[in-house]
């Protein structure tokens, strides 16, 4: 059972293992696996786009057009150390996201189906 929990937590999927708390006040576990673009991974750019895919995967991206599919799986705690405001993203629902213009900017929330139109 413990192995199954650690596999789910490290997979980046929220199945009750990586995000704790009530729906309105969720928190990430530091070792919860999320994907980030190379720019965020190397601390070249700030996280300006967060997406929670329909399958429950999390992406923390810089949001620039030169983002690649070459994402890195990291423990979200590393990203939270750099930018504690990312903790609010734990409240995103599946198939939703948030973006901002700068690290200090306000988050604009969206549903993924809204982006496809």
Protein backbone atom coordinates (compact mmCIF):
# COMPACT_ATOMS: atom_id res chain seq x y z
CA UNK A 1 0.00 0.00 0.00
CA UNK A 2 2.78 2.46 0.88
CA UNK A 3 4.45 1.78 -2.48
CA UNK A 4 1.17 2.43 -4.29
CA UNK A 5 0.75 5.73 -2.42
CA UNK A 6 4.26 6.85 -3.24
CA UNK A 7 3.82 5.93 -6.93
CA UNK A 8 0.61 7.94 -7.12
CA UNK A 9 2.14 10.90 -5.29
CA UNK A 10 5.17 10.95 -7.53
CA UNK A 11 3.10 10.55 -10.70
CA UNK A 12 1.74 14.09 -10.49
CA UNK A 13 -1.87 12.92 -10.25
CA UNK A 14 -4.14 14.11 -7.46
CA UNK A 15 -5.86 10.99 -6.24
CA UNK A 16 -6.00 12.13 -2.65
CA UNK A 17 -2.30 11.54 -2.03
CA UNK A 18 -0.47 14.70 -3.13
CA UNK A 19 -3.02 17.38 -2.29
CA UNK A 20 -4.55 17.53 1.16
CA UNK A 21 -7.30 19.55 2.82
CA UNK A 22 -10.91 20.37 2.00
CA UNK A 23 -11.79 21.31 -1.58
CA UNK A 24 -11.79 25.02 -0.75
CA UNK A 25 -8.48 24.94 1.12
CA UNK A 26 -6.21 22.32 -0.44
CA UNK A 27 -2.45 22.16 0.11
CA UNK A 28 0.30 20.45 -1.89
CA UNK A 29 2.64 17.98 -0.24
CA UNK A 30 6.22 19.09 -0.93
CA UNK A 31 7.06 15.80 -2.66
CA UNK A 32 3.96 15.86 -4.89
CA UNK A 33 5.10 15.37 -8.50
CA UNK A 34 4.29 18.07 -11.05
CA UNK A 35 5.66 18.83 -14.50
CA UNK A 36 7.46 22.06 -15.32
CA UNK A 37 9.02 23.45 -18.46
CA UNK A 38 12.81 23.65 -18.77
CA UNK A 39 12.74 27.43 -18.17
CA UNK A 40 11.01 26.99 -14.80
CA UNK A 41 13.12 23.94 -13.96
CA UNK A 42 16.33 25.93 -14.43
CA UNK A 43 14.85 29.01 -12.65
CA UNK A 44 15.29 31.09 -15.82
CA UNK A 45 11.64 32.23 -15.81
CA UNK A 46 8.82 32.43 -13.29
CA UNK A 47 5.72 30.24 -13.37
CA UNK A 48 3.07 32.24 -15.21
CA UNK A 49 0.79 29.39 -16.32
CA UNK A 50 -0.51 26.45 -14.29
CA UNK A 51 -2.65 23.76 -15.88
CA UNK A 52 -4.39 20.80 -14.29
CA UNK A 53 -5.12 18.42 -17.16
CA UNK A 54 -8.35 16.45 -17.52
CA UNK A 55 -6.43 13.35 -16.40
CA UNK A 56 -5.26 15.11 -13.22
CA UNK A 57 -1.66 15.87 -14.27
CA UNK A 58 -0.25 19.24 -13.17
CA UNK A 59 1.92 21.54 -15.32
CA UNK A 60 3.76 24.59 -13.99
CA UNK A 61 4.97 26.55 -17.03
CA UNK A 62 6.50 29.89 -17.94
CA UNK A 63 3.75 30.35 -20.54
CA UNK A 64 6.03 31.55 -23.34
CA UNK A 65 5.62 30.36 -26.92
CA UNK A 66 9.01 28.63 -26.82
CA UNK A 67 7.86 26.12 -24.18
CA UNK A 68 8.65 22.62 -25.33
CA UNK A 69 7.24 19.21 -24.62
CA UNK A 70 10.51 18.53 -22.80
CA UNK A 71 9.05 18.88 -19.30
CA UNK A 72 10.67 17.80 -16.03
CA UNK A 73 8.91 15.97 -13.19
CA UNK A 74 9.74 17.71 -9.90
CA UNK A 75 8.45 17.81 -6.35
CA UNK A 76 6.21 20.87 -6.15
CA UNK A 77 7.96 21.88 -2.92
CA UNK A 78 10.96 23.05 -4.98
CA UNK A 79 8.71 25.43 -6.91
CA UNK A 80 6.92 26.61 -3.76
CA UNK A 81 10.28 27.52 -2.19
CA UNK A 82 10.94 29.88 -5.10
CA UNK A 83 7.40 31.26 -5.27
CA UNK A 84 5.11 30.63 -2.28
CA UNK A 85 2.15 32.18 -4.16
CA UNK A 86 1.96 28.97 -6.21
CA UNK A 87 0.46 27.22 -3.18
CA UNK A 88 -2.93 28.70 -4.16
CA UNK A 89 -2.89 26.51 -7.29
CA UNK A 90 -3.70 23.46 -5.16
CA UNK A 91 -7.32 24.61 -5.35
CA UNK A 92 -7.53 24.21 -9.14
CA UNK A 93 -10.15 21.76 -10.32
CA UNK A 94 -9.38 19.09 -12.89
CA UNK A 95 -9.47 20.50 -16.45
CA UNK A 96 -8.71 24.04 -15.35
CA UNK A 97 -5.82 26.43 -15.12
CA UNK A 98 -4.59 29.86 -14.16
CA UNK A 99 -2.31 32.39 -15.78
CA UNK A 100 -0.78 35.73 -14.89
CA UNK A 101 1.26 38.38 -16.68
CA UNK A 102 4.10 38.51 -14.15
CA UNK A 103 5.20 36.84 -10.94
CA UNK A 104 3.55 39.66 -8.99
CA UNK A 105 0.39 39.63 -11.14
CA UNK A 106 -3.09 38.44 -10.27
CA UNK A 107 -4.10 34.96 -11.43
CA UNK A 108 -6.78 34.70 -14.14
CA UNK A 109 -8.55 31.34 -13.90
CA UNK A 110 -9.99 29.37 -16.81
CA UNK A 111 -11.51 26.01 -17.72
CA UNK A 112 -9.59 24.04 -20.35
CA UNK A 113 -12.57 23.77 -22.68
CA UNK A 114 -12.68 27.60 -22.67
CA UNK A 115 -9.17 27.64 -24.17
CA UNK A 116 -10.06 25.35 -27.09
CA UNK A 117 -12.69 27.66 -28.61
